[in-house]
N, C-alpha and C. Protein backbone atom coordinates (compact mmCIF):
# COMPACT_ATOMS: atom_id res chain seq x y z
N MET A 1 100.36 -191.78 -58.30
CA MET A 1 99.25 -191.82 -59.24
C MET A 1 98.12 -192.67 -58.67
N THR A 2 96.90 -192.25 -58.93
CA THR A 2 95.74 -192.96 -58.38
C THR A 2 94.75 -193.32 -59.48
N ARG A 3 94.27 -194.54 -59.44
CA ARG A 3 93.11 -194.95 -60.23
C ARG A 3 92.22 -195.77 -59.31
N TRP A 4 91.11 -195.18 -58.90
CA TRP A 4 90.23 -195.85 -57.96
C TRP A 4 89.55 -197.05 -58.61
N GLY A 5 89.43 -198.11 -57.84
CA GLY A 5 88.79 -199.32 -58.36
C GLY A 5 88.05 -200.09 -57.28
N PHE A 6 87.24 -201.03 -57.72
CA PHE A 6 86.45 -201.88 -56.83
C PHE A 6 86.86 -203.33 -57.00
N VAL A 7 86.74 -204.08 -55.94
CA VAL A 7 86.76 -205.54 -55.99
C VAL A 7 85.50 -206.01 -55.28
N ILE A 8 84.76 -206.89 -55.91
CA ILE A 8 83.53 -207.44 -55.33
C ILE A 8 83.68 -208.95 -55.22
N ASP A 9 83.57 -209.46 -54.01
CA ASP A 9 83.75 -210.88 -53.74
C ASP A 9 82.40 -211.60 -53.91
N LEU A 10 82.28 -212.36 -54.98
CA LEU A 10 81.02 -213.04 -55.28
C LEU A 10 80.75 -214.21 -54.33
N LYS A 11 81.76 -214.66 -53.60
CA LYS A 11 81.54 -215.70 -52.60
C LYS A 11 80.80 -215.14 -51.39
N LYS A 12 81.03 -213.87 -51.11
CA LYS A 12 80.42 -213.26 -49.93
C LYS A 12 79.06 -212.63 -50.21
N CYS A 13 78.87 -212.12 -51.42
CA CYS A 13 77.62 -211.41 -51.74
C CYS A 13 76.44 -212.38 -51.75
N TYR A 14 75.41 -212.06 -50.96
CA TYR A 14 74.22 -212.92 -50.94
C TYR A 14 72.98 -212.18 -51.45
N GLY A 15 73.20 -211.07 -52.15
CA GLY A 15 72.10 -210.40 -52.86
C GLY A 15 71.07 -209.75 -51.98
N CYS A 16 71.48 -209.03 -50.94
CA CYS A 16 70.53 -208.41 -50.01
C CYS A 16 70.02 -207.05 -50.50
N PHE A 17 70.64 -206.52 -51.55
CA PHE A 17 70.25 -205.23 -52.15
C PHE A 17 70.57 -204.02 -51.25
N THR A 18 71.33 -204.22 -50.18
CA THR A 18 71.69 -203.09 -49.32
C THR A 18 72.49 -202.04 -50.10
N CYS A 19 73.40 -202.49 -50.96
CA CYS A 19 74.21 -201.56 -51.75
C CYS A 19 73.33 -200.73 -52.67
N GLN A 20 72.34 -201.36 -53.25
CA GLN A 20 71.43 -200.68 -54.17
C GLN A 20 70.62 -199.60 -53.45
N LEU A 21 70.14 -199.92 -52.26
CA LEU A 21 69.36 -198.96 -51.50
C LEU A 21 70.24 -197.84 -50.94
N ALA A 22 71.47 -198.19 -50.54
CA ALA A 22 72.39 -197.17 -50.01
C ALA A 22 72.72 -196.13 -51.07
N CYS A 23 72.87 -196.60 -52.31
CA CYS A 23 73.16 -195.70 -53.42
C CYS A 23 72.00 -194.72 -53.62
N LYS A 24 70.79 -195.24 -53.56
CA LYS A 24 69.62 -194.38 -53.72
C LYS A 24 69.52 -193.37 -52.58
N ALA A 25 69.77 -193.82 -51.37
CA ALA A 25 69.68 -192.93 -50.22
C ALA A 25 70.76 -191.85 -50.26
N GLU A 26 71.94 -192.20 -50.74
CA GLU A 26 73.05 -191.25 -50.80
C GLU A 26 72.84 -190.18 -51.86
N HIS A 27 72.26 -190.58 -53.00
CA HIS A 27 72.18 -189.66 -54.14
C HIS A 27 70.77 -189.22 -54.50
N PHE A 28 69.77 -189.70 -53.77
CA PHE A 28 68.38 -189.30 -53.99
C PHE A 28 67.92 -189.55 -55.43
N THR A 29 68.35 -190.67 -56.00
CA THR A 29 67.98 -190.96 -57.38
C THR A 29 66.48 -191.21 -57.49
N PRO A 30 65.84 -190.73 -58.56
CA PRO A 30 64.39 -190.89 -58.72
C PRO A 30 64.00 -192.32 -59.09
N PRO A 31 62.72 -192.63 -59.12
CA PRO A 31 62.26 -193.98 -59.45
C PRO A 31 62.81 -194.47 -60.79
N GLY A 32 63.23 -195.73 -60.83
CA GLY A 32 63.73 -196.32 -62.06
C GLY A 32 65.19 -196.08 -62.34
N VAL A 33 65.85 -195.29 -61.51
CA VAL A 33 67.27 -194.98 -61.70
C VAL A 33 68.08 -195.75 -60.66
N PHE A 34 68.88 -196.71 -61.12
CA PHE A 34 69.66 -197.56 -60.23
C PHE A 34 71.12 -197.53 -60.67
N TRP A 35 71.91 -196.63 -60.08
CA TRP A 35 73.33 -196.55 -60.44
C TRP A 35 74.06 -197.80 -59.99
N GLY A 36 73.61 -198.38 -58.90
CA GLY A 36 74.14 -199.66 -58.45
C GLY A 36 73.00 -200.67 -58.45
N ARG A 37 73.23 -201.84 -59.01
CA ARG A 37 72.19 -202.87 -59.08
C ARG A 37 72.75 -204.19 -58.59
N CYS A 38 71.86 -205.08 -58.23
CA CYS A 38 72.26 -206.43 -57.86
C CYS A 38 71.43 -207.39 -58.71
N LEU A 39 72.09 -207.99 -59.70
CA LEU A 39 71.42 -208.91 -60.61
C LEU A 39 71.42 -210.32 -60.00
N LYS A 40 70.44 -211.11 -60.37
CA LYS A 40 70.34 -212.48 -59.87
C LYS A 40 70.31 -213.45 -61.04
N GLY A 41 71.05 -214.57 -60.90
CA GLY A 41 71.05 -215.59 -61.94
C GLY A 41 70.94 -216.98 -61.32
N GLU A 42 70.52 -217.93 -62.12
CA GLU A 42 70.35 -219.30 -61.64
C GLU A 42 70.81 -220.28 -62.71
N THR A 43 71.61 -221.25 -62.31
CA THR A 43 72.10 -222.26 -63.25
C THR A 43 71.89 -223.66 -62.67
N GLY A 44 71.92 -224.65 -63.55
CA GLY A 44 71.79 -226.03 -63.11
C GLY A 44 70.37 -226.51 -63.07
N LYS A 45 70.21 -227.76 -62.71
CA LYS A 45 68.90 -228.39 -62.60
C LYS A 45 68.76 -229.03 -61.23
N TYR A 46 67.55 -229.08 -60.77
CA TYR A 46 67.28 -229.70 -59.47
C TYR A 46 67.82 -231.13 -59.44
N PRO A 47 68.51 -231.53 -58.39
CA PRO A 47 68.70 -230.81 -57.12
C PRO A 47 70.00 -230.02 -57.05
N SER A 48 70.67 -229.85 -58.16
CA SER A 48 71.96 -229.15 -58.17
C SER A 48 71.81 -227.77 -58.78
N VAL A 49 70.98 -226.96 -58.18
CA VAL A 49 70.73 -225.61 -58.67
C VAL A 49 71.60 -224.62 -57.90
N VAL A 50 72.19 -223.69 -58.61
CA VAL A 50 73.03 -222.66 -57.99
C VAL A 50 72.47 -221.28 -58.33
N ARG A 51 72.23 -220.49 -57.33
CA ARG A 51 71.80 -219.11 -57.53
C ARG A 51 72.97 -218.19 -57.21
N GLN A 52 73.17 -217.19 -58.06
CA GLN A 52 74.31 -216.29 -57.88
C GLN A 52 73.87 -214.84 -58.00
N SER A 53 74.35 -214.01 -57.10
CA SER A 53 74.11 -212.56 -57.17
C SER A 53 75.29 -211.90 -57.88
N LEU A 54 74.99 -210.89 -58.66
CA LEU A 54 76.04 -210.16 -59.37
C LEU A 54 75.81 -208.66 -59.22
N PRO A 55 76.48 -208.02 -58.27
CA PRO A 55 76.37 -206.57 -58.14
C PRO A 55 77.07 -205.87 -59.31
N VAL A 56 76.42 -204.88 -59.90
CA VAL A 56 77.02 -204.12 -61.00
C VAL A 56 76.84 -202.63 -60.74
N LEU A 57 77.75 -201.86 -61.29
CA LEU A 57 77.74 -200.41 -61.17
C LEU A 57 78.51 -199.86 -62.36
N CYS A 58 78.71 -198.55 -62.43
CA CYS A 58 79.55 -198.00 -63.49
C CYS A 58 80.95 -198.59 -63.34
N MET A 59 81.49 -199.10 -64.43
CA MET A 59 82.79 -199.76 -64.37
C MET A 59 83.96 -198.78 -64.40
N GLN A 60 83.70 -197.49 -64.56
CA GLN A 60 84.76 -196.47 -64.58
C GLN A 60 85.91 -196.92 -65.49
N CYS A 61 85.55 -197.20 -66.73
CA CYS A 61 86.51 -197.76 -67.68
C CYS A 61 87.69 -196.81 -67.94
N ASP A 62 88.84 -197.40 -68.19
CA ASP A 62 90.02 -196.60 -68.51
C ASP A 62 89.90 -196.01 -69.92
N ASP A 63 89.19 -196.72 -70.78
CA ASP A 63 88.94 -196.26 -72.15
C ASP A 63 87.43 -196.27 -72.38
N PRO A 64 86.71 -195.33 -71.76
CA PRO A 64 85.25 -195.38 -71.74
C PRO A 64 84.60 -195.08 -73.09
N GLU A 65 83.72 -195.97 -73.51
CA GLU A 65 82.98 -195.77 -74.75
C GLU A 65 82.05 -194.57 -74.66
N CYS A 66 81.51 -194.33 -73.47
CA CYS A 66 80.58 -193.22 -73.29
C CYS A 66 81.26 -191.88 -73.57
N LYS A 67 82.52 -191.78 -73.20
CA LYS A 67 83.26 -190.54 -73.43
C LYS A 67 83.52 -190.31 -74.92
N LYS A 68 83.76 -191.39 -75.64
CA LYS A 68 84.07 -191.28 -77.07
C LYS A 68 82.92 -190.71 -77.88
N VAL A 69 81.68 -191.05 -77.48
CA VAL A 69 80.52 -190.66 -78.31
C VAL A 69 79.85 -189.37 -77.85
N CYS A 70 80.26 -188.83 -76.71
CA CYS A 70 79.59 -187.63 -76.18
C CYS A 70 79.85 -186.43 -77.10
N PRO A 71 78.80 -185.86 -77.72
CA PRO A 71 79.00 -184.77 -78.68
C PRO A 71 79.34 -183.43 -78.04
N THR A 72 79.05 -183.27 -76.74
CA THR A 72 79.28 -181.99 -76.09
C THR A 72 80.45 -182.03 -75.10
N LEU A 73 81.14 -183.17 -75.03
CA LEU A 73 82.25 -183.37 -74.09
C LEU A 73 81.80 -183.26 -72.63
N ALA A 74 80.53 -183.60 -72.39
CA ALA A 74 80.01 -183.57 -71.02
C ALA A 74 80.57 -184.72 -70.19
N THR A 75 80.87 -185.83 -70.84
CA THR A 75 81.47 -186.97 -70.13
C THR A 75 82.97 -186.77 -70.06
N LYS A 76 83.49 -186.76 -68.84
CA LYS A 76 84.91 -186.49 -68.61
C LYS A 76 85.50 -187.59 -67.74
N LYS A 77 86.80 -187.81 -67.89
CA LYS A 77 87.51 -188.76 -67.02
C LYS A 77 88.50 -188.00 -66.18
N ARG A 78 88.34 -188.08 -64.87
CA ARG A 78 89.22 -187.36 -63.96
C ARG A 78 90.59 -188.02 -63.90
N ASP A 79 91.54 -187.33 -63.29
CA ASP A 79 92.89 -187.87 -63.16
C ASP A 79 92.93 -189.14 -62.33
N ASP A 80 91.94 -189.32 -61.45
CA ASP A 80 91.91 -190.53 -60.62
C ASP A 80 91.09 -191.64 -61.26
N GLY A 81 90.72 -191.46 -62.54
CA GLY A 81 90.03 -192.50 -63.28
C GLY A 81 88.52 -192.49 -63.20
N ILE A 82 87.95 -191.66 -62.34
CA ILE A 82 86.50 -191.62 -62.20
C ILE A 82 85.88 -190.85 -63.37
N VAL A 83 84.90 -191.47 -64.02
CA VAL A 83 84.22 -190.86 -65.16
C VAL A 83 83.00 -190.10 -64.63
N THR A 84 82.88 -188.83 -65.01
CA THR A 84 81.80 -187.98 -64.52
C THR A 84 81.00 -187.39 -65.69
N VAL A 85 79.87 -186.80 -65.34
CA VAL A 85 79.02 -186.12 -66.33
C VAL A 85 78.84 -184.67 -65.90
N ASP A 86 79.18 -183.74 -66.77
CA ASP A 86 79.01 -182.31 -66.49
C ASP A 86 77.56 -181.93 -66.82
N ARG A 87 76.78 -181.64 -65.80
CA ARG A 87 75.36 -181.35 -66.00
C ARG A 87 75.14 -180.11 -66.86
N ASN A 88 76.11 -179.21 -66.88
CA ASN A 88 75.97 -177.98 -67.66
C ASN A 88 76.23 -178.19 -69.15
N LEU A 89 76.87 -179.31 -69.49
CA LEU A 89 77.16 -179.59 -70.89
C LEU A 89 76.28 -180.70 -71.47
N CYS A 90 75.77 -181.56 -70.61
CA CYS A 90 74.96 -182.69 -71.08
C CYS A 90 73.63 -182.20 -71.66
N ILE A 91 73.30 -182.69 -72.84
CA ILE A 91 72.05 -182.30 -73.52
C ILE A 91 71.05 -183.46 -73.54
N GLY A 92 71.39 -184.55 -72.86
CA GLY A 92 70.47 -185.67 -72.77
C GLY A 92 70.22 -186.41 -74.06
N CYS A 93 71.22 -186.44 -74.95
CA CYS A 93 71.05 -187.08 -76.26
C CYS A 93 71.01 -188.60 -76.18
N LYS A 94 71.48 -189.16 -75.08
CA LYS A 94 71.47 -190.61 -74.82
C LYS A 94 72.46 -191.40 -75.67
N TYR A 95 73.39 -190.74 -76.35
CA TYR A 95 74.42 -191.49 -77.08
C TYR A 95 75.22 -192.36 -76.11
N CYS A 96 75.53 -191.80 -74.95
CA CYS A 96 76.33 -192.54 -73.96
C CYS A 96 75.55 -193.73 -73.42
N VAL A 97 74.24 -193.57 -73.28
CA VAL A 97 73.40 -194.66 -72.78
C VAL A 97 73.49 -195.85 -73.72
N LEU A 98 73.46 -195.57 -75.03
CA LEU A 98 73.55 -196.64 -76.03
C LEU A 98 74.96 -197.21 -76.14
N ALA A 99 75.96 -196.35 -75.93
CA ALA A 99 77.35 -196.78 -76.12
C ALA A 99 77.89 -197.60 -74.97
N CYS A 100 77.38 -197.39 -73.75
CA CYS A 100 77.91 -198.10 -72.58
C CYS A 100 77.65 -199.60 -72.69
N PRO A 101 78.68 -200.42 -72.77
CA PRO A 101 78.47 -201.86 -72.91
C PRO A 101 77.97 -202.54 -71.64
N TYR A 102 77.99 -201.81 -70.53
CA TYR A 102 77.58 -202.39 -69.25
C TYR A 102 76.20 -201.90 -68.79
N GLY A 103 75.55 -201.08 -69.58
CA GLY A 103 74.22 -200.60 -69.23
C GLY A 103 74.18 -199.80 -67.95
N ALA A 104 75.22 -198.98 -67.74
CA ALA A 104 75.35 -198.27 -66.46
C ALA A 104 74.83 -196.83 -66.50
N ARG A 105 74.30 -196.40 -67.64
CA ARG A 105 73.83 -195.02 -67.78
C ARG A 105 72.31 -194.95 -67.65
N TYR A 106 71.83 -193.89 -66.99
CA TYR A 106 70.40 -193.70 -66.81
C TYR A 106 69.99 -192.28 -67.18
N PRO A 107 69.15 -192.12 -68.22
CA PRO A 107 68.67 -190.79 -68.56
C PRO A 107 67.57 -190.35 -67.59
N VAL A 108 67.61 -189.09 -67.22
CA VAL A 108 66.54 -188.49 -66.42
C VAL A 108 66.05 -187.26 -67.19
N MET A 109 65.07 -187.49 -68.05
CA MET A 109 64.56 -186.39 -68.86
C MET A 109 63.62 -185.49 -68.06
N LYS A 110 62.89 -186.10 -67.14
CA LYS A 110 62.01 -185.33 -66.26
C LYS A 110 62.02 -185.98 -64.89
N TYR A 111 62.26 -185.20 -63.87
CA TYR A 111 62.33 -185.72 -62.51
C TYR A 111 60.97 -186.24 -62.07
N ARG A 112 60.97 -187.42 -61.48
CA ARG A 112 59.75 -188.00 -60.89
C ARG A 112 59.98 -188.26 -59.41
N SER A 113 58.92 -188.10 -58.65
CA SER A 113 58.99 -188.30 -57.22
C SER A 113 58.45 -189.68 -56.86
N TYR A 114 58.89 -190.19 -55.71
CA TYR A 114 58.31 -191.42 -55.18
C TYR A 114 56.94 -191.16 -54.57
N PHE A 115 56.52 -189.90 -54.52
CA PHE A 115 55.26 -189.54 -53.89
C PHE A 115 54.25 -189.01 -54.91
N GLU A 116 54.38 -189.41 -56.19
CA GLU A 116 53.48 -188.91 -57.22
C GLU A 116 52.03 -189.24 -56.90
N ALA A 117 51.75 -190.46 -56.47
CA ALA A 117 50.36 -190.85 -56.17
C ALA A 117 49.80 -190.01 -55.03
N TYR A 118 50.67 -189.69 -54.09
CA TYR A 118 50.23 -188.87 -52.95
C TYR A 118 49.83 -187.48 -53.40
N LYS A 119 50.44 -186.98 -54.46
CA LYS A 119 50.15 -185.62 -54.92
C LYS A 119 48.84 -185.54 -55.69
N ASN A 120 48.27 -186.67 -56.08
CA ASN A 120 47.05 -186.67 -56.90
C ASN A 120 45.89 -187.30 -56.14
N LEU A 121 45.71 -186.85 -54.93
CA LEU A 121 44.62 -187.37 -54.12
C LEU A 121 43.28 -186.89 -54.65
N PRO A 122 42.25 -187.72 -54.58
CA PRO A 122 40.92 -187.30 -55.07
C PRO A 122 40.30 -186.25 -54.15
N GLU A 123 39.43 -185.45 -54.72
CA GLU A 123 38.72 -184.45 -53.90
C GLU A 123 37.81 -185.19 -52.91
N PRO A 124 37.56 -184.64 -51.73
CA PRO A 124 38.01 -183.32 -51.25
C PRO A 124 39.37 -183.36 -50.57
N LEU A 125 40.07 -184.47 -50.66
CA LEU A 125 41.37 -184.56 -50.01
C LEU A 125 42.38 -183.66 -50.73
N GLU A 126 43.22 -183.02 -49.96
CA GLU A 126 44.25 -182.15 -50.53
C GLU A 126 45.61 -182.53 -49.96
N PRO A 127 46.58 -182.73 -50.83
CA PRO A 127 47.91 -183.09 -50.33
C PRO A 127 48.56 -181.93 -49.60
N SER A 128 49.23 -182.24 -48.53
CA SER A 128 50.01 -181.24 -47.83
C SER A 128 51.47 -181.42 -48.21
N PRO A 129 52.29 -180.40 -48.09
CA PRO A 129 53.71 -180.53 -48.45
C PRO A 129 54.38 -181.67 -47.69
N ASN A 130 55.12 -182.47 -48.40
CA ASN A 130 55.84 -183.59 -47.78
C ASN A 130 57.30 -183.19 -47.65
N PRO A 131 57.79 -183.02 -46.43
CA PRO A 131 59.17 -182.52 -46.25
C PRO A 131 60.22 -183.46 -46.84
N LEU A 132 60.00 -184.77 -46.76
CA LEU A 132 60.96 -185.72 -47.31
C LEU A 132 61.01 -185.61 -48.83
N ASP A 133 59.84 -185.47 -49.44
CA ASP A 133 59.76 -185.32 -50.89
C ASP A 133 60.48 -184.05 -51.34
N GLU A 134 60.22 -182.96 -50.66
CA GLU A 134 60.83 -181.68 -51.02
C GLU A 134 62.34 -181.71 -50.82
N TYR A 135 62.79 -182.37 -49.76
CA TYR A 135 64.22 -182.46 -49.48
C TYR A 135 64.93 -183.26 -50.57
N ALA A 136 64.36 -184.41 -50.94
CA ALA A 136 64.96 -185.27 -51.97
C ALA A 136 65.02 -184.54 -53.31
N ARG A 137 63.95 -183.86 -53.64
CA ARG A 137 63.92 -183.12 -54.91
C ARG A 137 64.97 -182.01 -54.93
N THR A 138 65.06 -181.28 -53.82
CA THR A 138 66.05 -180.20 -53.73
C THR A 138 67.46 -180.73 -53.89
N LYS A 139 67.77 -181.83 -53.21
CA LYS A 139 69.11 -182.41 -53.28
C LYS A 139 69.43 -182.90 -54.68
N TRP A 140 68.46 -183.50 -55.35
CA TRP A 140 68.69 -183.99 -56.71
C TRP A 140 68.99 -182.83 -57.65
N PHE A 141 68.20 -181.77 -57.55
CA PHE A 141 68.38 -180.64 -58.46
C PHE A 141 69.65 -179.85 -58.15
N GLU A 142 70.13 -179.91 -56.94
CA GLU A 142 71.40 -179.25 -56.62
C GLU A 142 72.54 -179.83 -57.44
N LYS A 143 72.50 -181.14 -57.68
CA LYS A 143 73.61 -181.82 -58.36
C LYS A 143 73.32 -182.17 -59.81
N TYR A 144 72.08 -182.51 -60.11
CA TYR A 144 71.82 -183.10 -61.42
C TYR A 144 70.75 -182.37 -62.22
N GLY A 145 69.52 -182.41 -61.83
CA GLY A 145 68.46 -181.74 -62.58
C GLY A 145 67.78 -182.66 -63.57
N GLU A 146 67.27 -182.08 -64.66
CA GLU A 146 66.53 -182.83 -65.66
C GLU A 146 67.19 -182.72 -67.03
N GLY A 147 66.77 -183.61 -67.94
CA GLY A 147 67.28 -183.56 -69.30
C GLY A 147 68.72 -183.96 -69.44
N ILE A 148 69.18 -184.85 -68.54
CA ILE A 148 70.58 -185.27 -68.56
C ILE A 148 70.67 -186.79 -68.42
N ASN A 149 71.85 -187.30 -68.69
CA ASN A 149 72.15 -188.72 -68.47
C ASN A 149 73.00 -188.84 -67.21
N THR A 150 72.68 -189.80 -66.38
CA THR A 150 73.34 -189.91 -65.08
C THR A 150 73.98 -191.29 -64.90
N LYS A 151 74.84 -191.40 -63.88
CA LYS A 151 75.55 -192.66 -63.64
C LYS A 151 76.22 -192.63 -62.27
N CYS A 152 76.67 -193.78 -61.85
CA CYS A 152 77.47 -193.90 -60.63
C CYS A 152 78.77 -193.12 -60.77
N SER A 153 79.15 -192.44 -59.71
CA SER A 153 80.39 -191.65 -59.73
C SER A 153 81.37 -192.10 -58.66
N TYR A 154 81.20 -193.34 -58.17
CA TYR A 154 82.05 -193.86 -57.09
C TYR A 154 81.94 -193.00 -55.83
N CYS A 155 80.84 -192.24 -55.70
CA CYS A 155 80.67 -191.35 -54.54
C CYS A 155 81.92 -190.49 -54.34
N PHE A 156 82.41 -189.85 -55.42
CA PHE A 156 83.70 -189.18 -55.33
C PHE A 156 83.71 -188.06 -54.29
N GLU A 157 82.53 -187.49 -53.98
CA GLU A 157 82.50 -186.47 -52.92
C GLU A 157 82.89 -187.09 -51.58
N ARG A 158 82.45 -188.30 -51.33
CA ARG A 158 82.82 -189.00 -50.10
C ARG A 158 84.30 -189.40 -50.14
N VAL A 159 84.75 -189.90 -51.28
CA VAL A 159 86.14 -190.34 -51.42
C VAL A 159 87.10 -189.18 -51.16
N GLU A 160 86.74 -188.00 -51.67
CA GLU A 160 87.60 -186.83 -51.48
C GLU A 160 87.69 -186.42 -50.01
N LYS A 161 86.73 -186.87 -49.20
CA LYS A 161 86.76 -186.58 -47.76
C LYS A 161 87.42 -187.71 -46.98
N GLY A 162 87.94 -188.70 -47.70
CA GLY A 162 88.57 -189.82 -47.03
C GLY A 162 87.62 -190.91 -46.61
N LEU A 163 86.38 -190.87 -47.12
CA LEU A 163 85.37 -191.87 -46.79
C LEU A 163 85.27 -192.93 -47.88
N GLN A 164 84.64 -194.04 -47.56
CA GLN A 164 84.37 -195.09 -48.53
C GLN A 164 83.10 -194.74 -49.31
N PRO A 165 82.96 -195.24 -50.54
CA PRO A 165 81.68 -195.10 -51.24
C PRO A 165 80.56 -195.70 -50.39
N ALA A 166 79.36 -195.16 -50.53
CA ALA A 166 78.24 -195.57 -49.67
C ALA A 166 77.99 -197.07 -49.73
N CYS A 167 78.07 -197.65 -50.93
CA CYS A 167 77.78 -199.08 -51.07
C CYS A 167 78.81 -199.95 -50.36
N VAL A 168 80.04 -199.49 -50.29
CA VAL A 168 81.09 -200.24 -49.59
C VAL A 168 80.87 -200.17 -48.09
N GLU A 169 80.52 -199.00 -47.62
CA GLU A 169 80.36 -198.79 -46.18
C GLU A 169 79.23 -199.62 -45.59
N VAL A 170 78.15 -199.81 -46.35
CA VAL A 170 76.97 -200.47 -45.76
C VAL A 170 76.92 -201.97 -46.01
N CYS A 171 77.76 -202.52 -46.86
CA CYS A 171 77.67 -203.94 -47.23
C CYS A 171 77.79 -204.83 -45.98
N PRO A 172 76.72 -205.53 -45.60
CA PRO A 172 76.77 -206.33 -44.38
C PRO A 172 77.67 -207.56 -44.49
N ALA A 173 77.91 -208.01 -45.72
CA ALA A 173 78.75 -209.19 -45.93
C ALA A 173 80.22 -208.83 -46.12
N LYS A 174 80.51 -207.53 -46.16
CA LYS A 174 81.88 -207.05 -46.42
C LYS A 174 82.41 -207.64 -47.73
N ALA A 175 81.54 -207.63 -48.74
CA ALA A 175 81.90 -208.22 -50.03
C ALA A 175 82.54 -207.21 -50.97
N ARG A 176 82.56 -205.94 -50.57
CA ARG A 176 83.08 -204.89 -51.45
C ARG A 176 84.36 -204.29 -50.89
N TYR A 177 85.30 -204.05 -51.79
CA TYR A 177 86.58 -203.43 -51.41
C TYR A 177 86.84 -202.29 -52.38
N PHE A 178 87.37 -201.20 -51.85
CA PHE A 178 87.64 -200.01 -52.66
C PHE A 178 89.07 -199.56 -52.42
N GLY A 179 89.79 -199.24 -53.50
CA GLY A 179 91.17 -198.82 -53.32
C GLY A 179 91.82 -198.37 -54.60
N ASN A 180 93.13 -198.22 -54.55
CA ASN A 180 93.91 -197.68 -55.66
C ASN A 180 94.49 -198.81 -56.51
N LEU A 181 94.04 -198.90 -57.76
CA LEU A 181 94.54 -199.93 -58.66
C LEU A 181 95.99 -199.69 -59.08
N GLU A 182 96.48 -198.49 -58.92
CA GLU A 182 97.85 -198.17 -59.31
C GLU A 182 98.86 -198.50 -58.21
N ASP A 183 98.37 -198.82 -57.03
CA ASP A 183 99.25 -199.18 -55.92
C ASP A 183 99.35 -200.70 -55.83
N PRO A 184 100.50 -201.28 -56.17
CA PRO A 184 100.62 -202.75 -56.16
C PRO A 184 100.44 -203.36 -54.78
N GLU A 185 100.58 -202.54 -53.73
CA GLU A 185 100.45 -203.05 -52.37
C GLU A 185 99.06 -202.81 -51.78
N SER A 186 98.15 -202.23 -52.57
CA SER A 186 96.82 -201.96 -52.05
C SER A 186 96.06 -203.27 -51.84
N GLU A 187 95.07 -203.23 -50.96
CA GLU A 187 94.29 -204.43 -50.65
C GLU A 187 93.62 -205.00 -51.88
N ILE A 188 93.07 -204.13 -52.72
CA ILE A 188 92.35 -204.65 -53.89
C ILE A 188 93.31 -205.31 -54.88
N ASN A 189 94.50 -204.77 -55.05
CA ASN A 189 95.46 -205.40 -55.95
C ASN A 189 95.92 -206.76 -55.43
N ILE A 190 96.09 -206.86 -54.13
CA ILE A 190 96.48 -208.13 -53.54
C ILE A 190 95.37 -209.17 -53.73
N LEU A 191 94.12 -208.74 -53.55
CA LEU A 191 92.99 -209.66 -53.75
C LEU A 191 92.91 -210.11 -55.21
N ILE A 192 93.08 -209.18 -56.13
CA ILE A 192 93.01 -209.52 -57.55
C ILE A 192 94.09 -210.55 -57.91
N LYS A 193 95.28 -210.34 -57.39
CA LYS A 193 96.41 -211.22 -57.74
C LYS A 193 96.35 -212.58 -57.06
N THR A 194 95.88 -212.61 -55.83
CA THR A 194 95.93 -213.86 -55.06
C THR A 194 94.64 -214.68 -55.15
N GLN A 195 93.54 -214.03 -55.56
CA GLN A 195 92.27 -214.76 -55.59
C GLN A 195 91.61 -214.76 -56.97
N ARG A 196 92.44 -214.64 -57.99
CA ARG A 196 91.98 -214.76 -59.38
C ARG A 196 90.90 -213.75 -59.73
N GLY A 197 91.15 -212.50 -59.37
CA GLY A 197 90.20 -211.45 -59.72
C GLY A 197 90.07 -211.28 -61.23
N PHE A 198 88.85 -210.98 -61.67
CA PHE A 198 88.61 -210.85 -63.11
C PHE A 198 87.68 -209.67 -63.40
N GLN A 199 87.79 -209.13 -64.60
CA GLN A 199 86.90 -208.08 -65.07
C GLN A 199 85.69 -208.70 -65.75
N LEU A 200 84.59 -207.98 -65.74
CA LEU A 200 83.38 -208.43 -66.42
C LEU A 200 83.49 -208.09 -67.91
N ASN A 201 83.38 -209.09 -68.75
CA ASN A 201 83.46 -208.91 -70.20
C ASN A 201 84.67 -208.09 -70.64
N PRO A 202 85.88 -208.56 -70.36
CA PRO A 202 87.09 -207.83 -70.78
C PRO A 202 87.21 -207.70 -72.29
N GLU A 203 86.48 -208.57 -73.02
CA GLU A 203 86.56 -208.51 -74.48
C GLU A 203 85.99 -207.21 -75.04
N PHE A 204 85.27 -206.44 -74.22
CA PHE A 204 84.79 -205.14 -74.69
C PHE A 204 85.94 -204.17 -74.92
N GLY A 205 87.07 -204.41 -74.27
CA GLY A 205 88.27 -203.61 -74.50
C GLY A 205 88.31 -202.27 -73.81
N SER A 206 87.40 -202.02 -72.87
CA SER A 206 87.36 -200.70 -72.21
C SER A 206 88.15 -200.66 -70.91
N ASP A 207 88.68 -201.80 -70.46
CA ASP A 207 89.48 -201.91 -69.25
C ASP A 207 88.75 -201.34 -68.03
N PRO A 208 87.69 -202.03 -67.57
CA PRO A 208 86.93 -201.55 -66.41
C PRO A 208 87.74 -201.58 -65.12
N ALA A 209 87.39 -200.72 -64.19
CA ALA A 209 88.09 -200.63 -62.90
C ALA A 209 87.38 -201.42 -61.82
N VAL A 210 86.40 -202.22 -62.20
CA VAL A 210 85.70 -203.08 -61.25
C VAL A 210 86.11 -204.52 -61.52
N TYR A 211 86.58 -205.20 -60.47
CA TYR A 211 87.00 -206.59 -60.56
C TYR A 211 86.13 -207.45 -59.66
N TYR A 212 86.01 -208.71 -60.01
CA TYR A 212 85.22 -209.65 -59.22
C TYR A 212 86.11 -210.83 -58.81
N LEU A 213 85.81 -211.35 -57.63
CA LEU A 213 86.46 -212.57 -57.17
C LEU A 213 85.49 -213.73 -57.45
N PRO A 214 85.99 -214.86 -57.93
CA PRO A 214 85.13 -215.97 -58.36
C PRO A 214 84.17 -216.42 -57.25
N PRO A 215 82.96 -216.84 -57.64
CA PRO A 215 81.99 -217.26 -56.62
C PRO A 215 82.38 -218.55 -55.93
N ARG A 216 83.05 -219.48 -56.65
CA ARG A 216 83.42 -220.76 -56.05
C ARG A 216 84.69 -221.26 -56.68
């Protein structure tokens, strides 16, 4: 049995945003859509100030609130624990966006390009087709489209090919680990048990599949 999960080592993460950019590059997400984010916080007073980075993504909950409220059953949980959105069933009602306690859902009611300003050049200038813009738009519409709610999917297409999720592969600090939570001998389970791994806001009761190792 498999339930894919993440472990993120907060001692190693220094907030470079590489994971955030890799996610965008892998999935061609439009402006304002960040399936993976890196939050920054600061505590203490000078001279004892501590800054901490907190990478967040879809928690792939075992008991997902988003699935409970979906009126069209577009939100599904796969046998390996990954929560997905069926673009053919999603009506963009945003119930899941409101229900997700981790703020991991992003509605895309209308696709926007990163080249919008380029398309509205003043006369007599005329925009020429931008191959990168067209490629990104084509790739997005192949998988997602408009009028739907979107989220991180653990890069399951890559996982099914035996690859790591994009954010894990590019992390320069090697702060991210991906593996099977159901395997007691997996690397992530060993890290959770030996280094006091914890879930973010376990009181929500959704049993997220993302664990963190303490910063200090």
